[in-house]
C-alpha atoms as a PDB file:
ATOM      1  CA  MET A   1      15.970   0.030   4.715  1.00  0.00           C
ATOM      2  CA  ARG A   2      14.042  -2.110   2.267  1.00  0.00           C
ATOM      3  CA  PHE A   3      10.761  -1.111   0.640  1.00  0.00           C
ATOM      4  CA  LEU A   4       7.756  -2.887  -0.798  1.00  0.00           C
ATOM      5  CA  ILE A   5       6.036  -1.286  -3.792  1.00  0.00           C
ATOM      6  CA  VAL A   6       2.480  -2.503  -4.311  1.00  0.00           C
ATOM      7  CA  ARG A   7      -0.029  -1.799  -7.078  1.00  0.00           C
ATOM      8  CA  THR A   8      -3.567  -2.444  -5.802  1.00  0.00           C
ATOM      9  CA  GLU A   9      -7.100  -2.185  -7.095  1.00  0.00           C
ATOM     10  CA  ILE A  10      -9.160   0.647  -5.625  1.00  0.00           C
ATOM     11  CA  ARG A  11     -12.365  -0.589  -4.041  1.00  0.00           C
ATOM     12  CA  THR A  12     -15.385   1.492  -4.923  1.00  0.00           C
ATOM     13  CA  ALA A  13     -17.627   2.680  -2.120  1.00  0.00           C
ATOM     14  CA  ALA A  14     -21.357   3.248  -2.243  1.00  0.00           C
ATOM     15  CA  ASP A  15     -22.696   6.690  -1.350  1.00  0.00           C
ATOM     16  CA  ALA A  16     -24.483   5.207   1.683  1.00  0.00           C
ATOM     17  CA  ASP A  17     -21.183   3.778   2.989  1.00  0.00           C
ATOM     18  CA  ILE A  18     -19.460   7.130   2.564  1.00  0.00           C
ATOM     19  CA  ALA A  19     -22.271   8.931   4.399  1.00  0.00           C
ATOM     20  CA  ALA A  20     -22.243   6.382   7.246  1.00  0.00           C
ATOM     21  CA  ALA A  21     -18.475   6.639   7.697  1.00  0.00           C
ATOM     22  CA  TRP A  22     -18.644  10.427   7.621  1.00  0.00           C
ATOM     23  CA  ALA A  23     -21.528  10.594  10.124  1.00  0.00           C
ATOM     24  CA  GLY A  24     -20.058   8.010  12.496  1.00  0.00           C
ATOM     25  CA  GLY A  25     -16.518   9.387  12.403  1.00  0.00           C
ATOM     26  CA  GLY A  26     -15.206   5.962  11.354  1.00  0.00           C
ATOM     27  CA  ARG A  27     -13.048   4.884   8.466  1.00  0.00           C
ATOM     28  CA  LEU A  28     -14.440   4.007   5.091  1.00  0.00           C
ATOM     29  CA  ARG A  29     -11.559   1.645   4.369  1.00  0.00           C
ATOM     30  CA  ASP A  30      -9.370  -0.100   6.915  1.00  0.00           C
ATOM     31  CA  GLU A  31      -6.338  -1.633   5.221  1.00  0.00           C
ATOM     32  CA  THR A  32      -5.421  -3.636   8.337  1.00  0.00           C
ATOM     33  CA  CYS A  33      -8.697  -5.590   8.273  1.00  0.00           C
ATOM     34  CA  THR A  34      -9.503  -5.774   4.574  1.00  0.00           C
ATOM     35  CA  PRO A  35      -6.600  -4.752   2.346  1.00  0.00           C
ATOM     36  CA  GLU A  36      -7.197  -3.853  -1.274  1.00  0.00           C
ATOM     37  CA  PRO A  37      -6.550  -6.678  -3.762  1.00  0.00           C
ATOM     38  CA  ARG A  38      -2.924  -6.659  -4.952  1.00  0.00           C
ATOM     39  CA  ARG A  39      -2.150  -6.640  -8.643  1.00  0.00           C
ATOM     40  CA  GLN A  40       1.653  -6.357  -8.547  1.00  0.00           C
ATOM     41  CA  VAL A  41       4.337  -6.427  -5.829  1.00  0.00           C
ATOM     42  CA  VAL A  42       7.977  -5.331  -6.217  1.00  0.00           C
ATOM     43  CA  HIS A  43      10.828  -5.081  -3.673  1.00  0.00           C
ATOM     44  CA  ALA A  44      13.494  -2.355  -3.532  1.00  0.00           C
ATOM     45  CA  GLU A  45      16.623  -2.111  -1.417  1.00  0.00           C
ATOM     46  CA  ASP A  46      16.614   1.672  -0.916  1.00  0.00           C
ATOM     47  CA  ARG A  47      14.268   4.675  -1.053  1.00  0.00           C
ATOM     48  CA  ASP A  48      15.495   6.031  -4.386  1.00  0.00           C
ATOM     49  CA  ALA A  49      14.974   2.681  -6.101  1.00  0.00           C
ATOM     50  CA  ALA A  50      11.529   2.355  -4.495  1.00  0.00           C
ATOM     51  CA  LEU A  51      10.442   5.774  -5.741  1.00  0.00           C
ATOM     52  CA  LEU A  52      11.773   5.027  -9.229  1.00  0.00           C
ATOM     53  CA  LEU A  53       9.800   1.766  -9.349  1.00  0.00           C
ATOM     54  CA  ALA A  54       6.685   3.515  -7.985  1.00  0.00           C
ATOM     55  CA  ARG A  55       6.974   6.142 -10.716  1.00  0.00           C
ATOM     56  CA  ALA A  56       7.214   3.406 -13.340  1.00  0.00           C
ATOM     57  CA  LEU A  57       4.168   1.583 -11.947  1.00  0.00           C
ATOM     58  CA  SER A  58       2.261   4.870 -11.867  1.00  0.00           C
ATOM     59  CA  ALA A  59       2.521   5.039 -15.661  1.00  0.00           C
ATOM     60  CA  VAL A  60       0.273   1.967 -16.012  1.00  0.00           C
ATOM     61  CA  GLY A  61      -3.030   2.870 -17.653  1.00  0.00           C
ATOM     62  CA  ALA A  62      -5.191   1.556 -14.794  1.00  0.00           C
ATOM     63  CA  VAL A  63      -3.319   3.746 -12.289  1.00  0.00           C
ATOM     64  CA  ARG A  64      -3.629   6.808 -14.499  1.00  0.00           C
ATOM     65  CA  ALA A  65      -7.350   6.093 -14.968  1.00  0.00           C
ATOM     66  CA  GLY A  66      -7.888   5.876 -11.188  1.00  0.00           C
ATOM     67  CA  ARG A  67      -8.744   2.160 -10.999  1.00  0.00           C
ATOM     68  CA  HIS A  68      -5.442   1.154  -9.302  1.00  0.00           C
ATOM     69  CA  ARG A  69      -3.085   2.892  -6.877  1.00  0.00           C
ATOM     70  CA  VAL A  70       0.605   2.533  -6.083  1.00  0.00           C
ATOM     71  CA  LYS A  71       1.821   2.316  -2.478  1.00  0.00           C
ATOM     72  CA  VAL A  72       5.403   2.457  -1.176  1.00  0.00           C
ATOM     73  CA  LEU A  73       5.753   0.711   2.189  1.00  0.00           C
ATOM     74  CA  PRO A  74       8.927   0.597   4.311  1.00  0.00           C
ATOM     75  CA  ILE A  75       9.962  -2.825   5.595  1.00  0.00           C
ATOM     76  CA  ALA A  76      11.911  -2.952   8.860  1.00  0.00           C
ATOM     77  CA  GLU A  77      15.233  -4.754   8.848  1.00  0.00           C
ATOM     78  CA  PRO A  78      15.630  -7.776  11.160  1.00  0.00           C
ATOM     79  CA  ALA A  79      17.152  -6.968  14.535  1.00  0.00           C
ATOM     80  CA  PRO A  80      20.851  -7.951  14.721  1.00  0.00           C
ATOM     81  CA  GLY A  81      21.337 -11.075  16.821  1.00  0.00           C
ATOM     82  CA  HIS A  82      17.659 -12.026  16.423  1.00  0.00           C
ATOM     83  CA  PRO A  83      17.169 -13.276  12.867  1.00  0.00           C
ATOM     84  CA  TYR A  84      13.471 -14.053  13.432  1.00  0.00           C
ATOM     85  CA  ARG A  85      12.459 -10.900  15.328  1.00  0.00           C
ATOM     86  CA  TRP A  86      11.582  -7.595  13.726  1.00  0.00           C
ATOM     87  CA  HIS A  87      11.844  -4.104  15.217  1.00  0.00           C
ATOM     88  CA  GLY A  88       8.076  -3.527  15.033  1.00  0.00           C
ATOM     89  CA  GLY A  89       7.042  -6.367  17.268  1.00  0.00           C
END
């Protein structure tokens, strides 16, 4: 399985937004609608390589200071016999 390693900026949230999300039971951030801005994207062919790259990106000063975050996302392989269809959909 392939992986995508992404370093993104963390969006700040106002106290009023946090209180509204908490009171309404909703989400403060919804990555499917408004993803965080990407700063760096790297691909890896297996889990061990992905975790090694994520560890390396986590050493960046902005990540250590809490302004960026590192995400490791699995990417589904294409279905055999259907080069343009993916397992997820």
